[in-house]
Each structure stands twice: as C-alpha cells, then as structure tokens.
C-alpha cells in the first residue's frame, strides 16, 4: 500500500503539509483546502504553488476535492456549481493528470453534522438522481469520473446508498470515494456490511476512525483500529476485490506530526494483518 493523506489534515499551507508528510514517508497528497480557501475556488497562486511544491519535492497529487454538491439543495445551486466550480476543478484535474474529482451527493434540507443521524430516512428525490446523471455525463465526456463521498448530511450518506444512486443514475462517470468513517459517524456502527454493494464502484478510499457517541454530539476521532471500525476487515475486503487505487488518511484530528505518525502506523499495521 502506498499511503497518502488529505493535505489540509496536516496544514492548509501545502508546503508545511508536505514537509511534515515527507518526513513521515508520505508522498501522496489529496488537495482540498489551501491558505486562501477550498481548491480550486481559491487564489490561483495557491494552486500553482501546490503544483510547484509537488514537482520540487517529487510527491504526487492524487485527488482534488472541490466540495461539489455538499451543500447543494436546489436546481439553481446545482446549475451554479456546474457553471462555476466544476469547470475550474476539471481544468486542474486535467492539468494534474487526475482521474477525476471527489464530490458529494447533495445536501438533505435541514441536515447538520450533529443532527444527521436522528433525521428520518427518506427516499432520495428523483431530482437528485437526475443531477447526478447530468454531472456524471458531463464528467464522462470530459474524460473524468466523479467519486461520490458518502457524507452524513447528504442524500448519498452511506456506501450502499451511494451505489444505489449510481445505479439509478446509470452514467459511467460516477464512482465512490469509500469512507467507512463517515458512514460510521451516521450509523454509529462499523459499516463493513456495505462493502460488497460498494466494491464495484470504489475508486478512492479515505481512512478515519471514531469512538461511539450519542446523537447530536460530534464524535471523537482516533487512529484506525482505536475506534468502532474494524479496518483489518475493510482492508482485507479491498485486497480481495483487487483494489489498487489511492488510500488516504483523513484523520479529522489535530495535524501534529506525532498524530499523523500514529495514524500512518495504525493503517500500515492493519493493512499487514
């Protein structure tokens, strides 16, 4: 396994993130937040600087997460993101030779991180399926894929649900950014039972772990293996499925070198089991 990390989980300053990461042997980085904001809707100078640093240090940028559709609830919002955010993100994805973009599955009205787990389960609106189909078709035409990250506040909130949405949308430009930590956050359990449904669509993986917590409380995040997720089983399932794509730390912790080291060591240990 060639482990990576979401760079702003260390620091929004890409130079600092890479300095700390490289010292820990991490040479693959996802771009999300940079000093002036979320990429790519930040100062273009930040993007060029990240590109320069990656080339100078010989590290790889493996993904771009522009936040597409995370807070989008209506047609106007969708049209705006497709007209403004998507083209810039696609441009940088091509420039950095990325396979696609990490996106989300549209915001559930009224959903918050603290309250998502207590919201009643509802059928995903057909409009959401149509938006995903339209976005997936455009990405496919651009030679990209959209890797949907399950997120508690979105209609695509579990890996199984995201797979079902992809199947309903029926577009080849849609995949899954597999993140069992986000699903555990929503359901307060290890979601290993979802893996089989998600497996055909997995194109990127995020790793975080968390302790059980009551509804309405933000969880405490911990290195893999110290929380409710049996990552050894998830890693075995990924190997059995022949997954060979990126795996990135997304600890949601404090970004200190010793914390990143603990997270790195935990994943490497569990991968070897």
Protein backbone atom coordinates (compact mmCIF):
# COMPACT_ATOMS: atom_id res chain seq x y z
CA UNK A 1 0.00 0.00 0.00
CA UNK A 2 1.25 3.45 -0.97
CA UNK A 3 -0.46 5.54 1.70
CA UNK A 4 -1.41 9.18 1.15
CA UNK A 5 -3.16 11.93 3.08
CA UNK A 6 -5.59 14.80 2.55
CA UNK A 7 -3.06 17.61 2.76
CA UNK A 8 -5.06 20.06 4.87
CA UNK A 9 -5.47 17.38 7.54
CA UNK A 10 -1.88 18.39 8.32
CA UNK A 11 -1.96 22.06 7.31
CA UNK A 12 -3.68 24.27 4.72
CA UNK A 13 -0.21 25.53 3.84
CA UNK A 14 0.77 22.87 1.30
CA UNK A 15 4.47 23.46 1.89
CA UNK A 16 4.08 22.74 5.61
CA UNK A 17 1.87 19.73 4.94
CA UNK A 18 4.40 18.22 2.55
CA UNK A 19 7.33 18.98 4.83
CA UNK A 20 5.69 17.09 7.69
CA UNK A 21 4.29 14.35 5.46
CA UNK A 22 7.52 13.61 3.60
CA UNK A 23 9.39 13.35 6.90
CA UNK A 24 6.91 10.57 7.74
CA UNK A 25 7.35 8.85 4.38
CA UNK A 26 4.04 10.08 2.93
CA UNK A 27 4.41 11.06 -0.71
CA UNK A 28 0.80 11.15 -1.98
CA UNK A 29 -1.49 14.12 -1.29
CA UNK A 30 -5.12 14.99 -1.92
CA UNK A 31 -5.82 18.70 -2.34
CA UNK A 32 -8.83 20.19 -0.55
CA UNK A 33 -8.19 23.34 1.50
CA UNK A 34 -5.36 25.77 0.72
CA UNK A 35 -4.48 29.03 2.52
CA UNK A 36 -6.94 31.20 0.60
CA UNK A 37 -9.84 28.72 0.56
CA UNK A 38 -11.13 25.50 -0.88
CA UNK A 39 -9.48 24.42 -4.10
CA UNK A 40 -9.95 25.30 -6.88
CA UNK A 41 -12.11 28.32 -5.94
CA UNK A 42 -9.19 29.84 -4.07
CA UNK A 43 -6.41 32.16 -5.17
CA UNK A 44 -4.91 30.53 -8.30
CA UNK A 45 -1.49 31.35 -6.87
CA UNK A 46 -2.11 28.77 -4.14
CA UNK A 47 -2.84 26.10 -6.73
CA UNK A 48 0.27 26.96 -8.73
CA UNK A 49 2.34 26.90 -5.54
CA UNK A 50 1.00 23.45 -4.62
CA UNK A 51 1.89 22.29 -8.12
CA UNK A 52 5.40 23.75 -7.80
CA UNK A 53 5.99 22.16 -4.40
CA UNK A 54 4.78 18.76 -5.60
CA UNK A 55 7.17 18.86 -8.54
CA UNK A 56 10.08 20.12 -6.44
CA UNK A 57 9.60 17.52 -3.70
CA UNK A 58 8.78 14.69 -6.09
CA UNK A 59 5.43 13.95 -4.44
CA UNK A 60 2.17 13.04 -6.17
CA UNK A 61 -1.15 14.86 -6.10
CA UNK A 62 -3.72 12.05 -6.24
CA UNK A 63 -7.08 13.81 -5.92
CA UNK A 64 -8.88 17.15 -5.84
CA UNK A 65 -11.91 17.69 -3.59
CA UNK A 66 -13.68 20.94 -4.56
CA UNK A 67 -16.71 20.36 -2.32
CA UNK A 68 -19.07 19.98 -5.27
CA UNK A 69 -22.69 19.32 -4.26
CA UNK A 70 -22.05 19.03 -0.50
CA UNK A 71 -24.37 21.94 0.30
CA UNK A 72 -26.40 21.95 -2.93
CA UNK A 73 -30.16 21.60 -2.45
CA UNK A 74 -31.87 23.12 -5.49
CA UNK A 75 -31.64 23.49 -9.25
CA UNK A 76 -30.18 26.99 -9.04
CA UNK A 77 -27.38 25.79 -6.77
CA UNK A 78 -26.65 22.82 -8.99
CA UNK A 79 -26.55 24.97 -12.12
CA UNK A 80 -24.23 27.46 -10.41
CA UNK A 81 -21.78 24.77 -9.30
CA UNK A 82 -21.76 23.16 -12.73
CA UNK A 83 -21.15 26.54 -14.37
CA UNK A 84 -18.57 27.91 -11.92
CA UNK A 85 -16.92 25.25 -9.75
CA UNK A 86 -16.93 22.19 -11.98
CA UNK A 87 -15.12 23.75 -14.98
CA UNK A 88 -12.27 25.09 -12.83
CA UNK A 89 -11.99 21.79 -10.95
CA UNK A 90 -11.96 19.84 -14.20
CA UNK A 91 -9.27 22.11 -15.60
CA UNK A 92 -6.98 21.46 -12.63
CA UNK A 93 -7.78 17.74 -12.63
CA UNK A 94 -6.59 17.55 -16.23
CA UNK A 95 -3.56 19.72 -15.50
CA UNK A 96 -2.54 17.39 -12.66
CA UNK A 97 -3.39 14.20 -14.60
CA UNK A 98 -6.02 13.15 -12.07
CA UNK A 99 -8.68 10.56 -12.93
CA UNK A 100 -11.48 12.72 -11.57
CA UNK A 101 -12.88 14.73 -8.66
CA UNK A 102 -14.12 13.86 -5.18
CA UNK A 103 -17.69 15.16 -4.85
CA UNK A 104 -20.73 14.71 -2.61
CA UNK A 105 -24.30 13.53 -3.05
CA UNK A 106 -26.37 16.71 -2.48
CA UNK A 107 -27.43 18.19 0.83
CA UNK A 108 -30.52 16.94 2.66
CA UNK A 109 -32.51 20.06 3.61
CA UNK A 110 -32.13 20.71 7.32
CA UNK A 111 -29.32 18.20 7.83
CA UNK A 112 -26.40 19.12 10.09
CA UNK A 113 -23.40 17.07 11.13
CA UNK A 114 -24.73 16.89 14.69
CA UNK A 115 -28.31 16.04 13.74
CA UNK A 116 -27.99 13.88 10.61
CA UNK A 117 -28.20 10.58 12.47
CA UNK A 118 -31.57 11.47 14.03
CA UNK A 119 -33.23 12.53 10.76
CA UNK A 120 -35.88 10.13 9.41
CA UNK A 121 -34.84 8.04 6.43
CA UNK A 122 -36.49 9.20 3.21
CA UNK A 123 -36.49 8.13 -0.41
CA UNK A 124 -33.89 10.01 -2.43
CA UNK A 125 -35.70 12.56 -4.64
CA UNK A 126 -35.65 11.83 -8.35
CA UNK A 127 -34.23 15.31 -8.89
CA UNK A 128 -31.04 14.25 -7.05
CA UNK A 129 -30.69 11.23 -9.34
CA UNK A 130 -31.11 13.47 -12.38
CA UNK A 131 -28.49 15.93 -11.11
CA UNK A 132 -26.01 13.09 -10.57
CA UNK A 133 -26.74 11.70 -14.01
CA UNK A 134 -26.18 15.10 -15.63
CA UNK A 135 -22.95 15.69 -13.72
CA UNK A 136 -21.73 12.17 -14.42
CA UNK A 137 -22.45 12.51 -18.12
CA UNK A 138 -20.50 15.76 -18.31
CA UNK A 139 -17.58 14.31 -16.38
CA UNK A 140 -17.50 11.25 -18.62
CA UNK A 141 -17.48 13.48 -21.71
CA UNK A 142 -14.51 15.30 -20.17
CA UNK A 143 -12.64 12.06 -19.54
CA UNK A 144 -13.14 12.28 -15.76
CA UNK A 145 -15.01 10.42 -13.05
CA UNK A 146 -16.87 11.90 -10.08
CA UNK A 147 -16.05 9.96 -6.91
CA UNK A 148 -19.01 10.46 -4.56
CA UNK A 149 -18.05 10.54 -0.89
CA UNK A 150 -20.78 9.29 1.45
CA UNK A 151 -21.48 12.10 3.90
CA UNK A 152 -24.00 12.15 6.79
CA UNK A 153 -25.62 15.44 5.71
CA UNK A 154 -26.11 14.36 2.08
CA UNK A 155 -28.59 12.13 0.29
CA UNK A 156 -25.60 9.92 -0.60
CA UNK A 157 -24.96 9.18 3.07
CA UNK A 158 -23.85 5.55 3.03
CA UNK A 159 -21.76 3.49 0.63
CA UNK A 160 -24.71 1.19 -0.09
CA UNK A 161 -26.97 4.17 -0.74
CA UNK A 162 -24.36 5.80 -2.96
CA UNK A 163 -24.01 2.61 -5.01
CA UNK A 164 -27.79 2.54 -5.46
CA UNK A 165 -27.77 6.18 -6.60
CA UNK A 166 -25.01 5.44 -9.12
CA UNK A 167 -27.02 2.54 -10.49
CA UNK A 168 -30.15 4.69 -10.76
CA UNK A 169 -28.23 7.49 -12.48
CA UNK A 170 -26.79 5.00 -14.97
CA UNK A 171 -23.79 7.09 -16.00
CA UNK A 172 -20.25 5.67 -16.39
CA UNK A 173 -18.67 8.84 -14.95
CA UNK A 174 -19.76 8.07 -11.36
CA UNK A 175 -17.79 6.18 -8.71
CA UNK A 176 -17.44 6.03 -4.90
CA UNK A 177 -14.89 7.62 -2.61
CA UNK A 178 -15.13 4.88 0.03
CA UNK A 179 -15.13 6.39 3.53
CA UNK A 180 -16.35 3.96 6.22
CA UNK A 181 -15.65 6.58 8.88
CA UNK A 182 -18.33 8.91 7.51
CA UNK A 183 -20.87 6.09 7.46
CA UNK A 184 -19.94 5.02 10.99
CA UNK A 185 -20.45 8.65 12.04
CA UNK A 186 -24.01 8.48 10.71
CA UNK A 187 -24.96 4.98 11.82
CA UNK A 188 -22.79 4.52 14.92
CA UNK A 189 -21.57 1.12 13.78
CA UNK A 190 -18.93 -0.45 11.60
CA UNK A 191 -20.33 -0.43 8.02
CA UNK A 192 -18.36 -3.45 6.75
CA UNK A 193 -21.67 -4.98 5.67
CA UNK A 194 -21.90 -2.36 2.91
CA UNK A 195 -18.64 -3.29 1.26
CA UNK A 196 -19.99 -5.82 -1.22
CA UNK A 197 -22.54 -3.34 -2.60
CA UNK A 198 -19.91 -0.59 -2.88
CA UNK A 199 -17.00 -2.65 -4.19
CA UNK A 200 -17.66 -2.38 -7.96
CA UNK A 201 -17.67 1.42 -7.73
CA UNK A 202 -14.76 2.18 -5.37
CA UNK A 203 -12.17 4.49 -6.95
CA UNK A 204 -10.67 6.21 -3.89
CA UNK A 205 -10.50 5.47 -0.15
CA UNK A 206 -10.45 7.72 2.94
CA UNK A 207 -9.40 6.45 6.37
CA UNK A 208 -10.67 7.83 9.68
CA UNK A 209 -11.90 6.13 12.84
CA UNK A 210 -14.09 7.36 15.67
CA UNK A 211 -15.45 6.48 19.08
CA UNK A 212 -19.16 5.79 19.62
CA UNK A 213 -21.09 8.87 20.71
CA UNK A 214 -24.68 9.95 21.40
CA UNK A 215 -26.78 11.51 18.65
CA UNK A 216 -26.24 15.24 18.37
CA UNK A 217 -22.62 15.11 19.51
CA UNK A 218 -19.60 15.43 17.23
CA UNK A 219 -17.56 12.25 17.66
CA UNK A 220 -14.02 11.97 18.93
CA UNK A 221 -11.78 10.80 16.08
CA UNK A 222 -8.93 8.36 16.66
CA UNK A 223 -6.35 6.45 14.59
CA UNK A 224 -7.62 3.42 12.66
CA UNK A 225 -8.18 0.45 14.92
CA UNK A 226 -8.82 2.53 18.05
CA UNK A 227 -12.48 3.20 17.29
CA UNK A 228 -15.58 1.34 16.16
CA UNK A 229 -14.33 0.34 12.69
CA UNK A 230 -12.55 -2.98 12.11
CA UNK A 231 -10.23 -1.69 9.44
CA UNK A 232 -8.43 -5.00 9.15
CA UNK A 233 -11.64 -6.42 7.69
CA UNK A 234 -12.11 -3.44 5.35
CA UNK A 235 -8.52 -3.70 4.11
CA UNK A 236 -8.89 -7.44 3.53
CA UNK A 237 -12.08 -6.78 1.59
CA UNK A 238 -10.30 -4.17 -0.54
CA UNK A 239 -7.48 -6.62 -1.31
CA UNK A 240 -9.96 -9.40 -2.13
CA UNK A 241 -11.74 -7.02 -4.52
CA UNK A 242 -8.44 -6.26 -6.27
CA UNK A 243 -8.48 -2.61 -5.28
CA UNK A 244 -5.21 -0.90 -6.21
CA UNK A 245 -6.16 2.79 -6.09
CA UNK A 246 -5.28 5.56 -3.63
CA UNK A 247 -5.79 5.19 0.11
CA UNK A 248 -5.58 8.48 2.01
CA UNK A 249 -5.57 9.37 5.68
CA UNK A 250 -8.28 11.83 6.65
CA UNK A 251 -7.90 11.70 10.44
CA UNK A 252 -10.01 14.73 11.49
CA UNK A 253 -7.57 15.11 14.36
CA UNK A 254 -5.00 17.82 15.17
CA UNK A 255 -2.49 17.53 12.32
CA UNK A 256 0.53 17.30 14.62
CA UNK A 257 3.42 15.17 13.33
CA UNK A 258 3.04 12.69 16.19
CA UNK A 259 -0.68 12.34 15.45
CA UNK A 260 -0.10 11.75 11.74
CA UNK A 261 2.60 9.22 12.63
CA UNK A 262 0.17 7.33 14.87
CA UNK A 263 -2.42 7.30 12.08
CA UNK A 264 0.13 6.17 9.50
CA UNK A 265 1.47 3.40 11.72
CA UNK A 266 -2.02 2.16 12.55
CA UNK A 267 -3.01 1.84 8.89
CA UNK A 268 0.23 0.13 7.92
CA UNK A 269 -0.12 -2.33 10.80
CA UNK A 270 -3.74 -3.15 9.99
CA UNK A 271 -3.02 -3.47 6.26
CA UNK A 272 -0.37 -6.10 7.01
CA UNK A 273 -2.69 -8.31 9.07
